[in-house]
């Protein structure tokens, strides 16, 4: 069964079409990378999947179920989780408390199971040593790890990532790539928006390219990046 299917999904701000009849099928366990110039509609695509924006037309299916009218909370309960480009931790809480919130409320678990999940995710993301530190004290890499940990604590079937490598040094980026590979290899289906293409193609098996809200290419990374239209639109290389 496909984890996600979008059927001609569109969204607009007034007369401005941001997402134009996007269709996409995502099999279980696949890691899909999304690229495109600024303003192409990439983050809006994730908003339509999580339900924070409602489609103007088209249908959204998750695990075979039509969720087009489902609320963001209902979609989270079903197994859709997202991390944001700019980390949004609860600054007054510790690292552990932040992850526990995801495990408890995002995952709808009782206290004891939520605690076990939170501890496992802290270990997985390399944050265990900082578990009792205030989230406000974390540097950028660890804030990004915490943003990811909070999403993972819901134990998602579909993980949506929005430019999680942005702002990291080369060494920090490599560390994050290794973590995402581990998550992918564990069977989590993933959609990752990223401008750092070398990081993206180290993890994903397919690239999906947007321009002005429309899909212009999809396929294996090497093939997509060699496409003349993609090179013109995204890389600025004349066809």
C-alpha atoms as a PDB file:
ATOM      1  CA  UNK A   1       0.000   0.000   0.000  1.00  0.00           C
ATOM      2  CA  UNK A   2       1.208   3.518  -0.803  1.00  0.00           C
ATOM      3  CA  UNK A   3       1.729   5.678   2.256  1.00  0.00           C
ATOM      4  CA  UNK A   4       0.755   8.918   0.482  1.00  0.00           C
ATOM      5  CA  UNK A   5      -1.097   9.788  -2.691  1.00  0.00           C
ATOM      6  CA  UNK A   6      -1.889  13.255  -3.967  1.00  0.00           C
ATOM      7  CA  UNK A   7      -4.389  13.535  -6.826  1.00  0.00           C
ATOM      8  CA  UNK A   8      -4.182  16.853  -8.708  1.00  0.00           C
ATOM      9  CA  UNK A   9      -3.843  18.896  -5.518  1.00  0.00           C
ATOM     10  CA  UNK A  10      -4.067  22.665  -5.941  1.00  0.00           C
ATOM     11  CA  UNK A  11      -3.881  25.647  -3.585  1.00  0.00           C
ATOM     12  CA  UNK A  12      -4.051  29.390  -4.224  1.00  0.00           C
ATOM     13  CA  UNK A  13      -3.855  32.707  -2.419  1.00  0.00           C
ATOM     14  CA  UNK A  14      -6.627  34.570  -4.204  1.00  0.00           C
ATOM     15  CA  UNK A  15      -5.650  34.642  -7.887  1.00  0.00           C
ATOM     16  CA  UNK A  16      -2.100  33.445  -7.150  1.00  0.00           C
ATOM     17  CA  UNK A  17      -1.795  29.713  -7.757  1.00  0.00           C
ATOM     18  CA  UNK A  18       0.846  28.321  -5.365  1.00  0.00           C
ATOM     19  CA  UNK A  19       0.335  24.600  -5.980  1.00  0.00           C
ATOM     20  CA  UNK A  20      -1.016  23.596  -9.358  1.00  0.00           C
ATOM     21  CA  UNK A  21      -2.549  20.128  -9.836  1.00  0.00           C
ATOM     22  CA  UNK A  22       0.220  18.188  -8.094  1.00  0.00           C
ATOM     23  CA  UNK A  23      -0.034  14.407  -8.286  1.00  0.00           C
ATOM     24  CA  UNK A  24       2.322  12.200  -6.316  1.00  0.00           C
ATOM     25  CA  UNK A  25       2.495   8.600  -5.144  1.00  0.00           C
ATOM     26  CA  UNK A  26       4.857   7.658  -2.309  1.00  0.00           C
ATOM     27  CA  UNK A  27       5.430   3.966  -1.536  1.00  0.00           C
ATOM     28  CA  UNK A  28       6.184   2.730   1.974  1.00  0.00           C
ATOM     29  CA  UNK A  29       9.813   3.182   3.005  1.00  0.00           C
ATOM     30  CA  UNK A  30      10.744   5.560   0.182  1.00  0.00           C
ATOM     31  CA  UNK A  31      12.704   8.757   0.816  1.00  0.00           C
ATOM     32  CA  UNK A  32      11.651  11.509  -1.595  1.00  0.00           C
ATOM     33  CA  UNK A  33      13.586  14.745  -2.019  1.00  0.00           C
ATOM     34  CA  UNK A  34      11.820  17.939  -3.105  1.00  0.00           C
ATOM     35  CA  UNK A  35      13.740  20.762  -4.754  1.00  0.00           C
ATOM     36  CA  UNK A  36      12.884  23.948  -6.618  1.00  0.00           C
ATOM     37  CA  UNK A  37      13.604  27.675  -6.618  1.00  0.00           C
ATOM     38  CA  UNK A  38      12.373  29.928  -3.824  1.00  0.00           C
ATOM     39  CA  UNK A  39       8.631  30.428  -4.097  1.00  0.00           C
ATOM     40  CA  UNK A  40       8.102  27.190  -6.018  1.00  0.00           C
ATOM     41  CA  UNK A  41       5.502  25.968  -3.513  1.00  0.00           C
ATOM     42  CA  UNK A  42       7.618  23.397  -1.668  1.00  0.00           C
ATOM     43  CA  UNK A  43       6.659  24.269   1.919  1.00  0.00           C
ATOM     44  CA  UNK A  44       3.043  24.777   0.854  1.00  0.00           C
ATOM     45  CA  UNK A  45       3.084  21.190  -0.398  1.00  0.00           C
ATOM     46  CA  UNK A  46       3.973  20.001   3.109  1.00  0.00           C
ATOM     47  CA  UNK A  47       1.253  22.257   4.557  1.00  0.00           C
ATOM     48  CA  UNK A  48      -1.309  20.539   2.327  1.00  0.00           C
ATOM     49  CA  UNK A  49      -0.122  17.104   3.458  1.00  0.00           C
ATOM     50  CA  UNK A  50      -0.263  17.999   7.164  1.00  0.00           C
ATOM     51  CA  UNK A  51      -3.565  19.834   6.775  1.00  0.00           C
ATOM     52  CA  UNK A  52      -2.394  23.227   8.033  1.00  0.00           C
ATOM     53  CA  UNK A  53      -3.547  24.470   4.621  1.00  0.00           C
ATOM     54  CA  UNK A  54      -6.618  23.017   2.935  1.00  0.00           C
ATOM     55  CA  UNK A  55      -6.543  22.063  -0.727  1.00  0.00           C
ATOM     56  CA  UNK A  56      -8.626  24.158  -3.092  1.00  0.00           C
ATOM     57  CA  UNK A  57      -9.101  21.144  -5.353  1.00  0.00           C
ATOM     58  CA  UNK A  58      -7.845  17.574  -5.581  1.00  0.00           C
ATOM     59  CA  UNK A  59      -7.626  14.807  -2.988  1.00  0.00           C
ATOM     60  CA  UNK A  60      -5.102  13.709  -0.355  1.00  0.00           C
ATOM     61  CA  UNK A  61      -4.842  10.018   0.598  1.00  0.00           C
ATOM     62  CA  UNK A  62      -2.849   8.528   3.476  1.00  0.00           C
ATOM     63  CA  UNK A  63      -2.479   4.783   3.956  1.00  0.00           C
ATOM     64  CA  UNK A  64      -5.328   4.302   1.486  1.00  0.00           C
ATOM     65  CA  UNK A  65      -7.703   6.626   3.350  1.00  0.00           C
ATOM     66  CA  UNK A  66      -9.040   9.919   1.974  1.00  0.00           C
ATOM     67  CA  UNK A  67      -7.853  12.542   4.479  1.00  0.00           C
ATOM     68  CA  UNK A  68      -8.618  15.632   2.393  1.00  0.00           C
ATOM     69  CA  UNK A  69     -11.052  16.939   5.020  1.00  0.00           C
ATOM     70  CA  UNK A  70      -9.119  15.656   8.082  1.00  0.00           C
ATOM     71  CA  UNK A  71      -7.760  18.133  10.640  1.00  0.00           C
ATOM     72  CA  UNK A  72      -4.018  18.544  11.318  1.00  0.00           C
ATOM     73  CA  UNK A  73      -4.447  16.786  14.684  1.00  0.00           C
ATOM     74  CA  UNK A  74      -6.248  13.867  13.068  1.00  0.00           C
ATOM     75  CA  UNK A  75      -3.461  13.548  10.499  1.00  0.00           C
ATOM     76  CA  UNK A  76      -0.874  13.617  13.264  1.00  0.00           C
ATOM     77  CA  UNK A  77      -2.772  10.891  15.092  1.00  0.00           C
ATOM     78  CA  UNK A  78      -2.763   8.830  11.878  1.00  0.00           C
ATOM     79  CA  UNK A  79       1.017   9.062  11.637  1.00  0.00           C
ATOM     80  CA  UNK A  80       2.066  12.223   9.771  1.00  0.00           C
ATOM     81  CA  UNK A  81       4.790  14.297  11.467  1.00  0.00           C
ATOM     82  CA  UNK A  82       6.728  17.365  10.366  1.00  0.00           C
ATOM     83  CA  UNK A  83       9.859  19.232  11.363  1.00  0.00           C
ATOM     84  CA  UNK A  84      10.270  22.879  10.392  1.00  0.00           C
ATOM     85  CA  UNK A  85      13.052  24.860   8.734  1.00  0.00           C
ATOM     86  CA  UNK A  86      13.344  27.090  11.805  1.00  0.00           C
ATOM     87  CA  UNK A  87      13.283  24.921  14.965  1.00  0.00           C
ATOM     88  CA  UNK A  88      10.322  25.622  17.236  1.00  0.00           C
ATOM     89  CA  UNK A  89      11.153  24.080  20.626  1.00  0.00           C
ATOM     90  CA  UNK A  90       9.348  24.969  23.837  1.00  0.00           C
ATOM     91  CA  UNK A  91      12.175  27.141  25.162  1.00  0.00           C
ATOM     92  CA  UNK A  92      11.035  26.999  28.785  1.00  0.00           C
ATOM     93  CA  UNK A  93      11.167  23.198  28.830  1.00  0.00           C
ATOM     94  CA  UNK A  94      14.082  20.797  28.955  1.00  0.00           C
ATOM     95  CA  UNK A  95      15.124  18.764  25.931  1.00  0.00           C
ATOM     96  CA  UNK A  96      13.515  15.674  27.483  1.00  0.00           C
ATOM     97  CA  UNK A  97      10.260  17.505  28.219  1.00  0.00           C
ATOM     98  CA  UNK A  98      10.086  18.733  24.619  1.00  0.00           C
ATOM     99  CA  UNK A  99      10.397  15.198  23.285  1.00  0.00           C
ATOM    100  CA  UNK A 100       7.967  13.871  25.888  1.00  0.00           C
ATOM    101  CA  UNK A 101       5.338  16.328  24.651  1.00  0.00           C
ATOM    102  CA  UNK A 102       5.669  14.827  21.172  1.00  0.00           C
ATOM    103  CA  UNK A 103       5.456  11.296  22.520  1.00  0.00           C
ATOM    104  CA  UNK A 104       2.465  12.051  24.758  1.00  0.00           C
ATOM    105  CA  UNK A 105       0.307  14.431  22.754  1.00  0.00           C
ATOM    106  CA  UNK A 106       1.448  13.749  19.199  1.00  0.00           C
ATOM    107  CA  UNK A 107       1.471  10.016  19.803  1.00  0.00           C
ATOM    108  CA  UNK A 108      -1.589   9.982  22.140  1.00  0.00           C
ATOM    109  CA  UNK A 109       0.199   7.735  24.645  1.00  0.00           C
ATOM    110  CA  UNK A 110      -0.094   7.191  28.364  1.00  0.00           C
ATOM    111  CA  UNK A 111       2.724   8.458  30.585  1.00  0.00           C
ATOM    112  CA  UNK A 112       4.850   5.301  30.910  1.00  0.00           C
ATOM    113  CA  UNK A 113       4.867   4.338  27.198  1.00  0.00           C
ATOM    114  CA  UNK A 114       5.513   7.974  26.266  1.00  0.00           C
ATOM    115  CA  UNK A 115       8.518   8.105  28.572  1.00  0.00           C
ATOM    116  CA  UNK A 116       9.988   4.977  26.971  1.00  0.00           C
ATOM    117  CA  UNK A 117       9.511   6.413  23.486  1.00  0.00           C
ATOM    118  CA  UNK A 118      11.035   9.761  24.495  1.00  0.00           C
ATOM    119  CA  UNK A 119      14.145   8.117  25.948  1.00  0.00           C
ATOM    120  CA  UNK A 120      14.594   5.927  22.876  1.00  0.00           C
ATOM    121  CA  UNK A 121      14.320   8.925  20.546  1.00  0.00           C
ATOM    122  CA  UNK A 122      16.765  10.981  22.645  1.00  0.00           C
ATOM    123  CA  UNK A 123      19.267   8.146  22.312  1.00  0.00           C
ATOM    124  CA  UNK A 124      18.658   7.800  18.577  1.00  0.00           C
ATOM    125  CA  UNK A 125      19.139  11.511  17.893  1.00  0.00           C
ATOM    126  CA  UNK A 126      22.214  11.898  20.094  1.00  0.00           C
ATOM    127  CA  UNK A 127      20.500  14.171  22.607  1.00  0.00           C
ATOM    128  CA  UNK A 128      20.533  11.942  25.686  1.00  0.00           C
ATOM    129  CA  UNK A 129      23.475  13.788  27.255  1.00  0.00           C
ATOM    130  CA  UNK A 130      21.506  17.050  26.988  1.00  0.00           C
ATOM    131  CA  UNK A 131      18.159  15.648  28.109  1.00  0.00           C
ATOM    132  CA  UNK A 132      17.945  17.803  31.246  1.00  0.00           C
ATOM    133  CA  UNK A 133      19.220  21.020  29.664  1.00  0.00           C
ATOM    134  CA  UNK A 134      16.802  23.833  28.778  1.00  0.00           C
ATOM    135  CA  UNK A 135      16.009  23.813  25.071  1.00  0.00           C
ATOM    136  CA  UNK A 136      16.895  27.508  24.990  1.00  0.00           C
ATOM    137  CA  UNK A 137      20.563  26.637  25.626  1.00  0.00           C
ATOM    138  CA  UNK A 138      21.009  24.403  22.576  1.00  0.00           C
ATOM    139  CA  UNK A 139      23.171  25.396  19.626  1.00  0.00           C
ATOM    140  CA  UNK A 140      21.760  25.163  16.092  1.00  0.00           C
ATOM    141  CA  UNK A 141      22.705  21.535  15.358  1.00  0.00           C
ATOM    142  CA  UNK A 142      21.134  20.298  18.571  1.00  0.00           C
ATOM    143  CA  UNK A 143      18.053  22.479  18.064  1.00  0.00           C
ATOM    144  CA  UNK A 144      17.614  20.825  14.687  1.00  0.00           C
ATOM    145  CA  UNK A 145      18.119  17.414  16.282  1.00  0.00           C
ATOM    146  CA  UNK A 146      15.488  18.325  18.867  1.00  0.00           C
ATOM    147  CA  UNK A 147      13.068  19.455  16.167  1.00  0.00           C
ATOM    148  CA  UNK A 148      13.546  16.086  14.487  1.00  0.00           C
ATOM    149  CA  UNK A 149      13.301  14.215  17.812  1.00  0.00           C
ATOM    150  CA  UNK A 150       9.940  15.783  18.618  1.00  0.00           C
ATOM    151  CA  UNK A 151       8.605  14.597  15.254  1.00  0.00           C
ATOM    152  CA  UNK A 152      10.090  11.115  15.692  1.00  0.00           C
ATOM    153  CA  UNK A 153       8.542  10.825  19.159  1.00  0.00           C
ATOM    154  CA  UNK A 154       5.126  10.567  17.499  1.00  0.00           C
ATOM    155  CA  UNK A 155       6.467   7.413  15.765  1.00  0.00           C
ATOM    156  CA  UNK A 156       5.328   8.639  12.340  1.00  0.00           C
ATOM    157  CA  UNK A 157       4.528   6.566   9.293  1.00  0.00           C
ATOM    158  CA  UNK A 158       5.354   9.641   7.186  1.00  0.00           C
ATOM    159  CA  UNK A 159       8.051  12.133   8.197  1.00  0.00           C
ATOM    160  CA  UNK A 160       8.128  15.555   6.497  1.00  0.00           C
ATOM    161  CA  UNK A 161      11.368  17.533   6.697  1.00  0.00           C
ATOM    162  CA  UNK A 162      11.767  21.184   5.678  1.00  0.00           C
ATOM    163  CA  UNK A 163      15.393  22.250   5.073  1.00  0.00           C
ATOM    164  CA  UNK A 164      16.789  20.553   8.161  1.00  0.00           C
ATOM    165  CA  UNK A 165      20.388  20.882   6.900  1.00  0.00           C
ATOM    166  CA  UNK A 166      20.256  24.663   6.424  1.00  0.00           C
ATOM    167  CA  UNK A 167      22.812  26.627   8.427  1.00  0.00           C
ATOM    168  CA  UNK A 168      24.900  23.604   9.437  1.00  0.00           C
ATOM    169  CA  UNK A 169      28.644  23.277   8.872  1.00  0.00           C
ATOM    170  CA  UNK A 170      29.901  20.522   6.553  1.00  0.00           C
ATOM    171  CA  UNK A 171      30.764  18.315   9.531  1.00  0.00           C
ATOM    172  CA  UNK A 172      27.398  18.950  11.199  1.00  0.00           C
ATOM    173  CA  UNK A 173      25.644  18.265   7.900  1.00  0.00           C
ATOM    174  CA  UNK A 174      27.382  14.900   7.578  1.00  0.00           C
ATOM    175  CA  UNK A 175      26.264  14.011  11.083  1.00  0.00           C
ATOM    176  CA  UNK A 176      22.680  14.870  10.204  1.00  0.00           C
ATOM    177  CA  UNK A 177      22.848  12.877   6.961  1.00  0.00           C
ATOM    178  CA  UNK A 178      23.947   9.802   8.932  1.00  0.00           C
ATOM    179  CA  UNK A 179      20.995  10.237  11.295  1.00  0.00           C
ATOM    180  CA  UNK A 180      18.491  10.579   8.441  1.00  0.00           C
ATOM    181  CA  UNK A 181      19.929   7.495   6.727  1.00  0.00           C
ATOM    182  CA  UNK A 182      19.381   5.560   9.945  1.00  0.00           C
ATOM    183  CA  UNK A 183      15.771   6.753  10.121  1.00  0.00           C
ATOM    184  CA  UNK A 184      15.230   5.870   6.450  1.00  0.00           C
ATOM    185  CA  UNK A 185      16.784   2.437   6.856  1.00  0.00           C
ATOM    186  CA  UNK A 186      14.467   1.837   9.808  1.00  0.00           C
ATOM    187  CA  UNK A 187      11.542   1.958   7.357  1.00  0.00           C
ATOM    188  CA  UNK A 188      10.177   5.473   7.915  1.00  0.00           C
ATOM    189  CA  UNK A 189       8.740   6.983   4.742  1.00  0.00           C
ATOM    190  CA  UNK A 190      10.140  10.459   4.205  1.00  0.00           C
ATOM    191  CA  UNK A 191       9.683  13.653   2.185  1.00  0.00           C
ATOM    192  CA  UNK A 192      12.601  16.069   2.515  1.00  0.00           C
ATOM    193  CA  UNK A 193      12.736  19.619   1.130  1.00  0.00           C
ATOM    194  CA  UNK A 194      16.343  20.772   0.938  1.00  0.00           C
ATOM    195  CA  UNK A 195      18.523  23.323  -0.887  1.00  0.00           C
ATOM    196  CA  UNK A 196      21.750  21.506   0.012  1.00  0.00           C
ATOM    197  CA  UNK A 197      21.517  19.049  -2.850  1.00  0.00           C
ATOM    198  CA  UNK A 198      24.554  16.910  -1.992  1.00  0.00           C
ATOM    199  CA  UNK A 199      23.029  16.213   1.422  1.00  0.00           C
ATOM    200  CA  UNK A 200      19.656  15.441  -0.098  1.00  0.00           C
ATOM    201  CA  UNK A 201      20.859  12.948  -2.698  1.00  0.00           C
ATOM    202  CA  UNK A 202      22.899  11.105  -0.056  1.00  0.00           C
ATOM    203  CA  UNK A 203      19.590  10.089   1.547  1.00  0.00           C
ATOM    204  CA  UNK A 204      16.766  10.084  -1.008  1.00  0.00           C
ATOM    205  CA  UNK A 205      16.100   7.668  -3.857  1.00  0.00           C
ATOM    206  CA  UNK A 206      13.814   9.996  -5.838  1.00  0.00           C
ATOM    207  CA  UNK A 207      13.742  13.717  -6.574  1.00  0.00           C
ATOM    208  CA  UNK A 208      10.586  15.736  -7.175  1.00  0.00           C
ATOM    209  CA  UNK A 209      11.109  19.176  -8.738  1.00  0.00           C
ATOM    210  CA  UNK A 210       8.670  22.066  -8.406  1.00  0.00           C
ATOM    211  CA  UNK A 211       8.610  25.368 -10.262  1.00  0.00           C
ATOM    212  CA  UNK A 212       5.837  27.950  -9.899  1.00  0.00           C
ATOM    213  CA  UNK A 213       3.694  25.390  -8.109  1.00  0.00           C
ATOM    214  CA  UNK A 214       3.907  22.734 -10.823  1.00  0.00           C
ATOM    215  CA  UNK A 215       5.929  19.539 -11.098  1.00  0.00           C
ATOM    216  CA  UNK A 216       8.565  19.765 -13.832  1.00  0.00           C
ATOM    217  CA  UNK A 217      10.476  16.533 -13.156  1.00  0.00           C
ATOM    218  CA  UNK A 218      10.550  13.418 -11.003  1.00  0.00           C
ATOM    219  CA  UNK A 219      12.879  10.426 -10.939  1.00  0.00           C
ATOM    220  CA  UNK A 220      16.268   9.166  -9.809  1.00  0.00           C
ATOM    221  CA  UNK A 221      18.484  12.034  -8.570  1.00  0.00           C
ATOM    222  CA  UNK A 222      21.196  11.730 -11.241  1.00  0.00           C
ATOM    223  CA  UNK A 223      18.631  11.680 -14.032  1.00  0.00           C
ATOM    224  CA  UNK A 224      16.627  14.585 -12.636  1.00  0.00           C
ATOM    225  CA  UNK A 225      19.673  16.802 -12.053  1.00  0.00           C
ATOM    226  CA  UNK A 226      20.781  16.170 -15.645  1.00  0.00           C
ATOM    227  CA  UNK A 227      17.397  17.245 -17.028  1.00  0.00           C
ATOM    228  CA  UNK A 228      17.860  20.446 -19.123  1.00  0.00           C
ATOM    229  CA  UNK A 229      14.691  22.072 -17.734  1.00  0.00           C
ATOM    230  CA  UNK A 230      15.735  21.361 -14.143  1.00  0.00           C
ATOM    231  CA  UNK A 231      19.225  22.743 -14.826  1.00  0.00           C
ATOM    232  CA  UNK A 232      17.703  25.893 -16.296  1.00  0.00           C
ATOM    233  CA  UNK A 233      15.065  26.502 -13.632  1.00  0.00           C
ATOM    234  CA  UNK A 234      16.841  25.334 -10.490  1.00  0.00           C
ATOM    235  CA  UNK A 235      20.562  25.567 -11.228  1.00  0.00           C
ATOM    236  CA  UNK A 236      20.429  28.590 -13.532  1.00  0.00           C
ATOM    237  CA  UNK A 237      22.280  26.743 -16.315  1.00  0.00           C
ATOM    238  CA  UNK A 238      21.027  27.555 -19.832  1.00  0.00           C
ATOM    239  CA  UNK A 239      19.473  24.573 -21.623  1.00  0.00           C
END
